[in-house]
């Protein structure tokens, strides 16, 4: 599990304008990148990237866990 908001279904509501429906893109897991001393980029969990079809507001959500 991650710190992302839970999956909101196939017809999500935009938090900004209230419109139902969003473009959805799956983003795969990205491991951390190190520069030899510390992480330059933290690991990014597998998640969904959403964008409202009306206003373009963007947000991220967790994937469905079965």
C-alpha atoms as a PDB file:
ATOM      1  CA  UNK A   1       0.000   0.000   0.000  1.00  0.00           C
ATOM      2  CA  UNK A   2       1.069   3.586  -0.473  1.00  0.00           C
ATOM      3  CA  UNK A   3       0.360   7.074   0.828  1.00  0.00           C
ATOM      4  CA  UNK A   4      -1.666   7.900  -2.297  1.00  0.00           C
ATOM      5  CA  UNK A   5      -5.439   8.396  -2.179  1.00  0.00           C
ATOM      6  CA  UNK A   6      -7.358   5.156  -2.850  1.00  0.00           C
ATOM      7  CA  UNK A   7      -8.615   4.180  -6.301  1.00  0.00           C
ATOM      8  CA  UNK A   8     -11.817   6.161  -6.959  1.00  0.00           C
ATOM      9  CA  UNK A   9     -13.413   3.920  -9.563  1.00  0.00           C
ATOM     10  CA  UNK A  10     -13.904   4.063 -13.306  1.00  0.00           C
ATOM     11  CA  UNK A  11     -15.759   7.385 -13.292  1.00  0.00           C
ATOM     12  CA  UNK A  12     -13.980   9.619 -10.745  1.00  0.00           C
ATOM     13  CA  UNK A  13     -15.193  13.082  -9.724  1.00  0.00           C
ATOM     14  CA  UNK A  14     -12.780  16.018 -10.101  1.00  0.00           C
ATOM     15  CA  UNK A  15     -12.011  17.660  -6.751  1.00  0.00           C
ATOM     16  CA  UNK A  16     -11.688  21.071  -8.433  1.00  0.00           C
ATOM     17  CA  UNK A  17     -14.705  21.406 -10.757  1.00  0.00           C
ATOM     18  CA  UNK A  18     -16.900  18.421  -9.794  1.00  0.00           C
ATOM     19  CA  UNK A  19     -17.043  16.936 -13.305  1.00  0.00           C
ATOM     20  CA  UNK A  20     -17.276  13.148 -13.538  1.00  0.00           C
ATOM     21  CA  UNK A  21     -14.706  11.533 -15.806  1.00  0.00           C
ATOM     22  CA  UNK A  22     -10.950  11.674 -16.163  1.00  0.00           C
ATOM     23  CA  UNK A  23      -8.180  10.555 -18.453  1.00  0.00           C
ATOM     24  CA  UNK A  24      -6.201   7.821 -16.711  1.00  0.00           C
ATOM     25  CA  UNK A  25      -2.595   6.771 -17.215  1.00  0.00           C
ATOM     26  CA  UNK A  26      -0.915   3.874 -15.411  1.00  0.00           C
ATOM     27  CA  UNK A  27       2.552   4.716 -14.051  1.00  0.00           C
ATOM     28  CA  UNK A  28       4.859   1.757 -13.287  1.00  0.00           C
ATOM     29  CA  UNK A  29       7.048   1.416 -10.188  1.00  0.00           C
ATOM     30  CA  UNK A  30      10.278   3.449 -10.347  1.00  0.00           C
ATOM     31  CA  UNK A  31      13.135   2.424  -8.056  1.00  0.00           C
ATOM     32  CA  UNK A  32      15.171   5.043  -6.187  1.00  0.00           C
ATOM     33  CA  UNK A  33      18.154   6.612  -7.944  1.00  0.00           C
ATOM     34  CA  UNK A  34      21.361   7.046  -5.956  1.00  0.00           C
ATOM     35  CA  UNK A  35      24.285   9.405  -6.489  1.00  0.00           C
ATOM     36  CA  UNK A  36      26.639   7.365  -4.327  1.00  0.00           C
ATOM     37  CA  UNK A  37      25.766   8.988  -0.991  1.00  0.00           C
ATOM     38  CA  UNK A  38      22.043   9.555  -0.831  1.00  0.00           C
ATOM     39  CA  UNK A  39      18.938   9.040  -2.929  1.00  0.00           C
ATOM     40  CA  UNK A  40      18.502  11.701  -5.618  1.00  0.00           C
ATOM     41  CA  UNK A  41      14.986  10.449  -6.259  1.00  0.00           C
ATOM     42  CA  UNK A  42      12.829   8.413  -3.915  1.00  0.00           C
ATOM     43  CA  UNK A  43      11.159   5.240  -5.097  1.00  0.00           C
ATOM     44  CA  UNK A  44       7.810   5.923  -6.751  1.00  0.00           C
ATOM     45  CA  UNK A  45       5.119   3.254  -6.279  1.00  0.00           C
ATOM     46  CA  UNK A  46       2.985   1.965  -9.108  1.00  0.00           C
ATOM     47  CA  UNK A  47      -0.001   4.338  -9.381  1.00  0.00           C
ATOM     48  CA  UNK A  48      -2.574   6.008 -11.625  1.00  0.00           C
ATOM     49  CA  UNK A  49      -2.203   9.527 -12.966  1.00  0.00           C
ATOM     50  CA  UNK A  50      -5.579  11.199 -13.570  1.00  0.00           C
ATOM     51  CA  UNK A  51      -6.589  14.396 -15.408  1.00  0.00           C
ATOM     52  CA  UNK A  52     -10.088  15.931 -15.418  1.00  0.00           C
ATOM     53  CA  UNK A  53     -11.725  15.938 -18.856  1.00  0.00           C
ATOM     54  CA  UNK A  54     -13.195  19.417 -18.271  1.00  0.00           C
ATOM     55  CA  UNK A  55     -10.666  21.572 -16.411  1.00  0.00           C
ATOM     56  CA  UNK A  56      -7.458  19.538 -16.712  1.00  0.00           C
ATOM     57  CA  UNK A  57      -6.874  19.307 -12.945  1.00  0.00           C
ATOM     58  CA  UNK A  58      -4.420  16.474 -12.257  1.00  0.00           C
ATOM     59  CA  UNK A  59      -4.084  14.054  -9.365  1.00  0.00           C
ATOM     60  CA  UNK A  60      -2.609  10.685  -8.529  1.00  0.00           C
ATOM     61  CA  UNK A  61      -4.323   7.634  -7.055  1.00  0.00           C
ATOM     62  CA  UNK A  62      -3.323   4.241  -5.778  1.00  0.00           C
ATOM     63  CA  UNK A  63      -4.013   1.199  -7.953  1.00  0.00           C
ATOM     64  CA  UNK A  64      -6.693  -1.400  -7.191  1.00  0.00           C
ATOM     65  CA  UNK A  65      -5.414  -3.999  -4.735  1.00  0.00           C
ATOM     66  CA  UNK A  66      -7.162  -7.353  -4.899  1.00  0.00           C
END
